Amino acid sequence: MYVESKVSLSVPKTKILNLIQKPGNLKKFHPFCKSNDASIWPGNGSIDYLEYLNGMKLKREFYNWSDNGYDLKIGGRKNMAVVNWVVDGNNNNSSLRIRINPNIENFVSYKSTYIKRLIWLIYIKPMLQSYIDHVIKGFNHYMNKEVKVSSNQFGKHRWFS
């Protein structure tokens, strides 16, 4: 179970990598980010903290850091999700794909696989898809205009605004 969103741009792959590999990068393009502070940076073992507009704070732990992006665990000990940031492309065109693989056990307390699946399909998946689509819109906006996105620029989100 996962959600993902992707943006394709007429920019070199290195431009996307340079942005996503800077500490505090979410402050530029994440419409629900109040703060994004790195404690260990850069590379494998990097750690930063994301505070959402609603005050929720989550730890992000990075691994598989490469010339194609990175993976991270978000949520600290609770391990809410694994998130993949994948950059493809060349010197002319490139793309960023973000995939969220939630740990469904942290969202749904029911033991029944059927009920978990139903809650995933009717509630969690649409909410996570909306969230990641907003983040990708913010990324696209920042890459095209080089202007920081404002809070809730593409609409509010029930979980993070």
Protein backbone atom coordinates (compact mmCIF):
# COMPACT_ATOMS: atom_id res chain seq x y z
CA MET A 1 0.00 0.00 0.00
CA TYR A 2 1.47 3.30 -1.08
CA VAL A 3 0.74 6.62 -2.72
CA GLU A 4 2.99 8.54 -5.06
CA SER A 5 3.16 11.69 -7.11
CA LYS A 6 5.56 12.77 -9.82
CA VAL A 7 6.60 15.94 -11.61
CA SER A 8 8.58 16.17 -14.85
CA LEU A 9 10.61 19.30 -15.51
CA SER A 10 12.77 20.79 -18.26
CA VAL A 11 15.75 21.16 -15.93
CA PRO A 12 18.93 19.15 -15.38
CA LYS A 13 18.74 16.27 -12.93
CA THR A 14 21.46 17.96 -10.87
CA LYS A 15 19.20 20.96 -10.24
CA ILE A 16 16.58 18.76 -8.57
CA LEU A 17 19.25 16.88 -6.59
CA ASN A 18 20.86 20.14 -5.44
CA LEU A 19 17.53 21.32 -4.03
CA ILE A 20 16.41 18.13 -2.29
CA GLN A 21 19.86 17.49 -0.83
CA LYS A 22 20.09 20.87 0.94
CA PRO A 23 19.32 20.98 4.66
CA GLY A 24 15.96 22.57 5.38
CA ASN A 25 14.82 22.16 1.76
CA LEU A 26 11.16 21.61 2.67
CA LYS A 27 10.83 25.25 3.78
CA LYS A 28 11.06 26.30 0.13
CA PHE A 29 8.37 24.12 -1.44
CA HIS A 30 6.33 22.20 1.16
CA PRO A 31 2.98 23.99 1.63
CA PHE A 32 2.34 22.45 5.08
CA CYS A 33 5.86 22.92 6.49
CA LYS A 34 6.26 25.31 9.42
CA SER A 35 9.92 24.39 9.99
CA ASN A 36 12.49 21.89 8.72
CA ASP A 37 15.69 21.75 10.73
CA ALA A 38 18.59 19.37 10.12
CA SER A 39 20.55 17.97 13.05
CA ILE A 40 22.88 15.68 11.04
CA TRP A 41 23.53 16.44 7.34
CA PRO A 42 24.25 15.37 4.52
CA GLY A 43 24.29 11.75 3.31
CA ASN A 44 23.32 8.42 4.79
CA GLY A 45 22.44 8.82 8.45
CA SER A 46 21.13 12.36 7.99
CA ILE A 47 18.41 13.39 10.41
CA ASP A 48 16.06 16.33 10.27
CA TYR A 49 12.83 17.40 11.92
CA LEU A 50 9.70 18.51 10.13
CA GLU A 51 7.13 20.62 11.92
CA TYR A 52 3.78 20.92 10.18
CA LEU A 53 1.54 24.00 10.25
CA ASN A 54 -0.71 22.28 12.81
CA GLY A 55 2.25 21.89 15.22
CA MET A 56 2.87 18.16 14.68
CA LYS A 57 6.61 17.39 14.70
CA LEU A 58 8.18 14.34 13.05
CA LYS A 59 11.74 13.04 12.84
CA ARG A 60 13.05 12.02 9.41
CA GLU A 61 15.96 9.55 9.15
CA PHE A 62 17.68 9.27 5.74
CA TYR A 63 19.31 6.26 4.08
CA ASN A 64 20.11 5.04 0.53
CA TRP A 65 21.38 8.58 -0.24
CA SER A 66 22.63 8.56 -3.85
CA ASP A 67 22.72 10.41 -7.17
CA ASN A 68 19.14 9.25 -7.67
CA GLY A 69 17.67 10.68 -4.46
CA TYR A 70 17.19 9.01 -1.09
CA ASP A 71 14.86 7.08 1.15
CA LEU A 72 13.77 8.10 4.62
CA LYS A 73 11.84 6.85 7.59
CA ILE A 74 9.50 9.42 9.09
CA GLY A 75 8.05 9.39 12.57
CA GLY A 76 11.01 8.37 14.73
CA ARG A 77 10.36 5.34 16.96
CA LYS A 78 6.77 5.16 15.77
CA ASN A 79 7.99 4.69 12.14
CA MET A 80 4.90 6.11 10.46
CA ALA A 81 6.15 5.63 6.89
CA VAL A 82 9.02 5.03 4.51
CA VAL A 83 9.28 7.74 1.88
CA ASN A 84 11.24 7.41 -1.37
CA TRP A 85 12.49 10.51 -3.21
CA VAL A 86 13.56 9.35 -6.68
CA VAL A 87 15.20 11.64 -9.25
CA ASP A 88 15.53 10.53 -12.87
CA GLY A 89 16.76 12.36 -15.92
CA ASN A 90 19.70 13.93 -17.70
CA ASN A 91 21.10 17.41 -18.47
CA ASN A 92 17.90 18.57 -20.21
CA ASN A 93 14.90 16.89 -18.61
CA SER A 94 14.32 15.30 -15.25
CA SER A 95 11.66 14.19 -12.82
CA LEU A 96 11.02 13.80 -9.13
CA ARG A 97 8.82 11.01 -7.83
CA ILE A 98 7.85 10.82 -4.17
CA ARG A 99 6.33 7.60 -2.84
CA ILE A 100 4.92 7.22 0.66
CA ASN A 101 4.71 3.70 2.08
CA PRO A 102 2.79 4.10 5.35
CA ASN A 103 3.06 1.67 8.23
CA ILE A 104 -0.67 1.01 8.28
CA GLU A 105 -0.45 -0.50 11.78
CA ASN A 106 0.22 3.00 13.15
CA PHE A 107 -2.90 4.40 11.54
CA VAL A 108 -5.44 1.60 12.06
CA SER A 109 -5.80 -0.32 15.31
CA TYR A 110 -8.15 -2.98 13.93
CA LYS A 111 -6.76 -6.51 13.61
CA SER A 112 -8.99 -7.45 10.71
CA THR A 113 -7.14 -7.25 7.38
CA TYR A 114 -10.45 -6.50 5.65
CA ILE A 115 -11.20 -3.51 7.89
CA LYS A 116 -7.62 -2.20 7.56
CA ARG A 117 -7.88 -2.43 3.77
CA LEU A 118 -11.25 -0.69 3.75
CA ILE A 119 -9.99 2.18 5.96
CA TRP A 120 -6.90 2.44 3.72
CA LEU A 121 -9.01 2.70 0.57
CA ILE A 122 -11.71 5.09 1.76
CA TYR A 123 -9.77 7.36 4.11
CA ILE A 124 -6.00 7.04 4.50
CA LYS A 125 -5.05 6.64 0.83
CA PRO A 126 -7.08 9.67 -0.39
CA MET A 127 -5.69 11.82 2.44
CA LEU A 128 -2.07 10.79 1.78
CA GLN A 129 -2.54 11.21 -1.98
CA SER A 130 -3.87 14.73 -1.49
CA TYR A 131 -0.93 15.50 0.79
CA ILE A 132 1.77 14.26 -1.58
CA ASP A 133 0.09 15.94 -4.57
CA HIS A 134 0.28 19.27 -2.69
CA VAL A 135 3.98 18.72 -1.95
CA ILE A 136 4.69 17.97 -5.63
CA LYS A 137 2.72 21.08 -6.68
CA GLY A 138 4.87 23.11 -4.31
CA PHE A 139 8.04 21.56 -5.68
CA ASN A 140 6.97 22.29 -9.26
CA HIS A 141 6.09 25.87 -8.32
CA TYR A 142 9.44 26.46 -6.64
CA MET A 143 11.44 24.89 -9.49
CA ASN A 144 9.64 26.95 -12.14
CA LYS A 145 9.43 30.31 -10.36
CA GLU A 146 12.17 30.03 -7.68
CA VAL A 147 9.70 31.58 -5.27
CA LYS A 148 9.03 29.96 -1.90
CA VAL A 149 5.53 28.55 -1.55
CA SER A 150 3.28 30.06 1.08
CA SER A 151 1.47 28.12 3.78
CA ASN A 152 -1.49 26.16 2.39
CA GLN A 153 -0.82 27.69 -1.03
CA PHE A 154 -2.70 24.95 -2.88
CA GLY A 155 -5.40 24.46 -0.24
CA LYS A 156 -5.58 23.27 3.34
CA HIS A 157 -5.12 19.70 4.48
CA ARG A 158 -7.13 18.21 7.35
CA TRP A 159 -4.11 16.39 8.81
CA PHE A 160 -1.35 18.99 8.43
CA SER A 161 -2.72 22.55 8.14
